[in-house]
Protein backbone atom coordinates (compact mmCIF):
# COMPACT_ATOMS: atom_id res chain seq x y z
CA MET A 1 -76.41 104.12 101.87
CA ARG A 2 -80.11 105.17 101.58
CA LYS A 3 -79.89 106.96 104.84
CA LEU A 4 -76.94 108.93 103.82
CA LEU A 5 -78.68 109.72 100.30
CA LEU A 6 -81.53 111.11 102.17
CA LEU A 7 -79.31 113.40 104.17
CA LEU A 8 -77.74 114.83 101.16
CA LEU A 9 -81.06 115.90 99.61
CA PRO A 10 -81.94 119.62 99.90
CA LEU A 11 -83.95 120.54 103.01
CA GLY A 12 -87.65 119.80 102.91
CA CYS A 13 -87.54 117.98 99.56
CA GLY A 14 -88.16 114.34 100.67
CA GLU A 15 -87.30 111.76 98.09
CA ARG A 16 -86.62 112.64 94.55
CA ARG A 17 -89.31 111.15 92.46
CA GLU A 18 -89.32 110.80 88.46
CA PHE A 19 -92.18 111.16 86.16
CA PRO A 20 -92.30 110.83 82.48
CA ASP A 21 -91.93 114.54 81.69
CA PHE A 22 -90.14 115.76 84.74
CA ASP A 23 -88.34 115.09 88.01
CA VAL A 24 -89.58 116.18 91.43
CA ILE A 25 -86.58 118.13 93.03
CA ARG A 26 -88.00 119.04 96.41
CA ARG A 27 -91.39 119.38 98.21
CA VAL A 28 -92.23 122.13 100.62
CA PRO A 29 -95.18 122.96 102.68
CA HIS A 30 -98.33 124.72 101.24
CA ASP A 31 -101.09 126.35 103.18
CA THR A 32 -104.09 124.06 102.85
CA THR A 33 -106.37 126.94 103.18
CA ALA A 34 -104.97 128.60 99.90
CA TYR A 35 -107.31 128.08 96.92
CA THR A 36 -104.42 128.90 94.58
CA GLN A 37 -105.33 130.89 91.47
CA GLY A 38 -102.03 132.56 90.52
CA LEU A 39 -98.42 131.89 91.44
CA VAL A 40 -95.29 133.95 90.83
CA TYR A 41 -91.73 133.47 92.24
CA ARG A 42 -89.12 136.22 92.01
CA ASP A 43 -86.13 137.03 94.12
CA GLY A 44 -86.69 134.43 96.75
CA ILE A 45 -90.26 135.26 97.27
CA LEU A 46 -93.48 133.48 96.36
CA TYR A 47 -96.37 135.63 95.41
CA GLU A 48 -99.73 133.89 95.63
CA SER A 49 -103.27 134.79 94.70
CA THR A 50 -106.09 132.83 96.17
CA GLY A 51 -109.72 132.61 95.41
CA LEU A 52 -113.08 131.70 96.90
CA LEU A 53 -115.67 134.59 97.98
CA GLY A 54 -114.72 135.88 101.39
CA ARG A 55 -111.31 134.12 101.36
CA SER A 56 -109.62 135.83 98.34
CA GLN A 57 -106.07 137.35 98.96
CA VAL A 58 -102.92 138.49 97.33
CA ARG A 59 -99.74 137.04 99.47
CA ARG A 60 -96.17 137.16 99.90
CA VAL A 61 -95.03 133.70 101.03
CA ASP A 62 -91.78 132.29 102.39
CA LEU A 63 -91.22 129.26 99.92
CA PRO A 64 -89.16 126.81 102.20
CA THR A 65 -91.68 127.08 105.05
CA GLY A 66 -94.93 127.98 103.22
CA ARG A 67 -95.43 130.67 105.72
CA VAL A 68 -97.67 133.74 104.67
CA LEU A 69 -95.42 136.65 105.23
CA LYS A 70 -98.17 139.18 104.33
CA ALA A 71 -101.59 139.02 103.22
CA VAL A 72 -104.03 141.60 101.60
CA PRO A 73 -107.63 140.58 101.34
CA LEU A 74 -109.97 141.29 98.53
CA GLY A 75 -113.55 142.50 99.11
CA PRO A 76 -115.93 139.91 100.29
CA ASP A 77 -117.64 139.87 96.88
CA LYS A 78 -114.59 139.40 94.94
CA PHE A 79 -113.18 135.93 93.68
CA GLY A 80 -109.40 136.24 93.28
CA GLU A 81 -107.82 134.67 90.10
CA GLY A 82 -104.52 135.11 87.99
CA LEU A 83 -101.43 136.97 89.32
CA THR A 84 -98.18 138.22 87.65
CA LEU A 85 -95.41 140.57 88.34
CA LEU A 86 -94.03 143.30 86.01
CA ASP A 87 -91.80 146.25 86.66
CA GLY A 88 -92.37 145.99 90.46
CA LYS A 89 -96.04 145.72 90.45
CA LEU A 90 -98.38 142.82 90.96
CA TYR A 91 -101.49 142.56 88.77
CA GLN A 92 -104.34 140.29 89.89
CA LEU A 93 -107.55 139.39 88.07
CA THR A 94 -110.91 138.44 89.60
CA TRP A 95 -113.17 135.77 88.20
CA LYS A 96 -116.60 137.43 87.26
CA SER A 97 -116.39 140.94 88.68
CA HIS A 98 -114.61 142.26 85.50
CA VAL A 99 -112.05 144.07 87.54
CA GLY A 100 -108.46 143.47 88.29
CA TYR A 101 -106.07 145.25 90.90
CA VAL A 102 -102.47 146.35 90.82
CA TYR A 103 -100.34 146.31 93.98
CA ASP A 104 -96.78 147.37 95.10
CA ALA A 105 -94.78 144.10 95.12
CA VAL A 106 -92.91 144.91 98.00
CA THR A 107 -95.67 146.33 100.37
CA LEU A 108 -98.69 144.91 98.57
CA ALA A 109 -100.37 148.30 98.98
CA PRO A 110 -103.02 149.00 96.37
CA LEU A 111 -102.15 151.15 93.59
CA ASP A 112 -104.66 150.79 90.95
CA SER A 113 -107.49 148.96 89.29
CA PHE A 114 -108.66 148.18 85.78
CA SER A 115 -111.51 146.69 84.06
CA TYR A 116 -112.12 144.14 81.33
CA THR A 117 -114.84 142.06 79.59
CA GLY A 118 -115.44 138.52 80.24
CA GLU A 119 -114.23 136.14 83.14
CA GLY A 120 -110.67 136.50 84.59
CA TRP A 121 -108.78 133.25 84.89
CA GLY A 122 -104.82 133.10 84.47
CA LEU A 123 -102.36 135.73 84.13
CA THR A 124 -98.70 136.24 83.08
CA THR A 125 -96.40 138.59 81.14
CA ASP A 126 -93.82 138.35 78.70
CA GLY A 127 -92.09 141.51 79.93
CA THR A 128 -94.07 143.82 77.69
CA SER A 129 -97.69 142.78 77.83
CA LEU A 130 -100.03 141.17 80.31
CA ILE A 131 -101.34 137.80 79.06
CA MET A 132 -104.58 136.81 80.22
CA SER A 133 -106.80 133.73 79.96
CA ASP A 134 -110.47 133.73 80.34
CA GLY A 135 -111.61 130.25 80.36
CA THR A 136 -112.04 130.07 76.66
CA ASP A 137 -109.49 128.70 74.07
CA THR A 138 -108.19 132.43 73.29
CA LEU A 139 -105.30 134.34 75.09
CA ARG A 140 -105.60 138.00 75.30
CA PHE A 141 -102.44 140.44 75.25
CA LEU A 142 -103.14 143.62 77.37
CA SER A 143 -101.23 146.92 77.50
CA PRO A 144 -100.08 147.07 81.26
CA HIS A 145 -100.60 150.93 80.93
CA THR A 146 -103.85 151.20 79.27
CA PHE A 147 -105.32 147.57 79.78
CA LYS A 148 -106.64 147.53 76.36
CA VAL A 149 -106.53 144.39 74.32
CA GLU A 150 -103.35 144.46 71.97
CA ARG A 151 -104.06 141.07 70.27
CA ARG A 152 -105.62 137.84 70.65
CA VAL A 153 -104.05 134.40 70.13
CA PRO A 154 -106.32 131.19 69.57
CA VAL A 155 -104.87 128.24 71.06
CA ARG A 156 -104.93 124.86 69.26
CA ASP A 157 -103.89 121.50 69.88
CA LYS A 158 -103.26 119.88 66.42
CA GLY A 159 -105.80 122.32 64.92
CA SER A 160 -108.46 121.76 67.35
CA PRO A 161 -109.24 124.73 70.01
CA LEU A 162 -108.39 123.99 73.64
CA SER A 163 -110.41 125.83 76.33
CA ALA A 164 -110.34 125.83 80.04
CA LEU A 165 -106.84 127.44 79.73
CA ASN A 166 -106.20 128.39 83.54
CA GLU A 167 -102.94 129.57 85.50
CA LEU A 168 -100.42 130.78 83.21
CA GLU A 169 -96.66 131.28 83.34
CA TYR A 170 -94.17 132.85 80.70
CA VAL A 171 -91.12 130.86 80.48
CA ASN A 172 -88.34 131.76 77.91
CA GLY A 173 -90.55 132.62 75.11
CA GLU A 174 -93.21 130.12 75.91
CA ILE A 175 -96.41 130.11 77.74
CA PHE A 176 -97.23 127.24 80.30
CA ALA A 177 -100.79 126.83 81.27
CA ASN A 178 -102.91 124.60 83.43
CA ILE A 179 -105.88 122.89 82.15
CA TYR A 180 -108.73 123.35 84.61
CA THR A 181 -110.08 120.21 86.35
CA GLY A 182 -107.22 118.09 84.78
CA ASP A 183 -103.73 117.00 85.86
CA TRP A 184 -102.01 118.57 82.83
CA ILE A 185 -100.01 121.61 81.91
CA VAL A 186 -99.46 122.49 78.31
CA ARG A 187 -96.74 124.52 76.59
CA ILE A 188 -97.88 127.15 74.32
CA ASP A 189 -96.24 128.96 71.39
CA PRO A 190 -97.33 132.67 72.16
CA LYS A 191 -96.95 133.55 68.71
CA THR A 192 -99.17 130.99 66.87
CA GLY A 193 -101.21 129.45 69.90
CA THR A 194 -99.85 126.09 69.03
CA ILE A 195 -99.51 123.58 71.69
CA THR A 196 -95.99 122.17 71.82
CA GLN A 197 -96.23 119.63 74.54
CA TRP A 198 -98.52 118.34 77.11
CA ILE A 199 -96.95 117.55 80.60
CA ASP A 200 -98.66 114.84 82.57
CA CYS A 201 -98.82 115.79 86.36
CA HIS A 202 -101.00 112.83 87.54
CA ASP A 203 -99.87 111.59 90.71
CA LEU A 204 -97.70 114.57 91.53
CA LEU A 205 -99.51 114.86 94.91
CA PRO A 206 -99.50 111.37 96.33
CA ALA A 207 -102.96 109.72 96.89
CA LYS A 208 -102.16 109.57 100.61
CA ASP A 209 -102.05 113.36 100.81
CA TYR A 210 -105.66 113.95 99.43
CA THR A 211 -108.55 114.93 101.75
CA PRO A 212 -112.19 115.49 100.90
CA SER A 213 -111.20 119.36 100.54
CA THR A 214 -108.26 118.84 98.19
CA ASP A 215 -108.85 120.29 94.85
CA VAL A 216 -107.26 120.28 91.38
CA LEU A 217 -103.79 121.04 90.14
CA ASN A 218 -103.33 124.72 89.80
CA GLY A 219 -100.46 127.04 90.09
CA ILE A 220 -97.16 127.48 87.95
CA ALA A 221 -94.40 129.74 88.98
CA TYR A 222 -90.86 130.09 87.17
CA ASP A 223 -87.53 130.02 89.22
CA ARG A 224 -85.12 131.95 86.97
CA GLY A 225 -82.20 131.01 89.16
CA THR A 226 -82.52 127.12 88.70
CA GLY A 227 -84.62 127.09 85.45
CA ASN A 228 -87.25 124.88 87.36
CA LEU A 229 -90.95 125.25 87.83
CA LEU A 230 -92.95 125.42 91.18
CA VAL A 231 -96.26 123.70 90.94
CA THR A 232 -99.06 123.18 93.34
CA GLY A 233 -102.96 122.90 93.39
CA LYS A 234 -106.00 124.31 95.12
CA LEU A 235 -106.02 123.69 98.94
CA TRP A 236 -102.81 121.31 98.44
CA PRO A 237 -100.62 120.59 101.56
CA ALA A 238 -97.55 120.84 99.49
CA LEU A 239 -95.71 122.81 96.64
CA PHE A 240 -93.34 121.02 94.41
CA GLU A 241 -90.15 122.27 92.50
CA ILE A 242 -89.86 120.19 89.28
CA SER A 243 -87.24 119.87 86.64
CA LEU A 244 -88.48 119.32 83.13
CA LYS A 245 -86.78 116.82 80.98
CA ARG A 246 -85.61 117.77 77.64
CA THR A 247 -88.02 117.34 74.74
CA ARG A 248 -86.17 118.77 71.96
């Protein structure tokens, strides 16, 4: 019976696992050289922004195999950060260079660049604005046309500021954010900045898969077809599709 059950599971998923806040649906390979900073999934293609000086790229990735279909490197002095997709264009931040880049989503051809103050961490979009984190407790909403700040939203957990907001993903009227150096994802009300849920991702990557180079949880993408999230980490050997459990 156990052997039959495994044969019926989706290809590449391994055994399903349950966690307090979600179920793991499948596991797929992830490039262990990818220092994941931004993750987007759209129309069957995974887009990824990777960091580290001299190794930063924007990529198109085949999700089931983890194979890099195309990659465009950043300059050796640029540290790639958050990534989002809006109207056929990819927008990518850099960490301390105060510059972001715009690419054609199909070809990854560079289209434009833009500047901002402070650091660049995570990036997502609500379909109208670019939403950016910078390591503080405040999210910035930027115009995708002028790149000017339209508004700022302080993020609060039971009234207290929460900083180190990293990778972002906008999902059905909410913002999901990694908390840097932790194994948590938070759900944020973009209107008020209130945190509505903490999602515990401890042990998502099994201990046996850790090496001395394995880094922290980072990277959230939304699959509109399934309603599930795709989650990984910096230099992780795997990416996980997870289904959140109902909280309300």
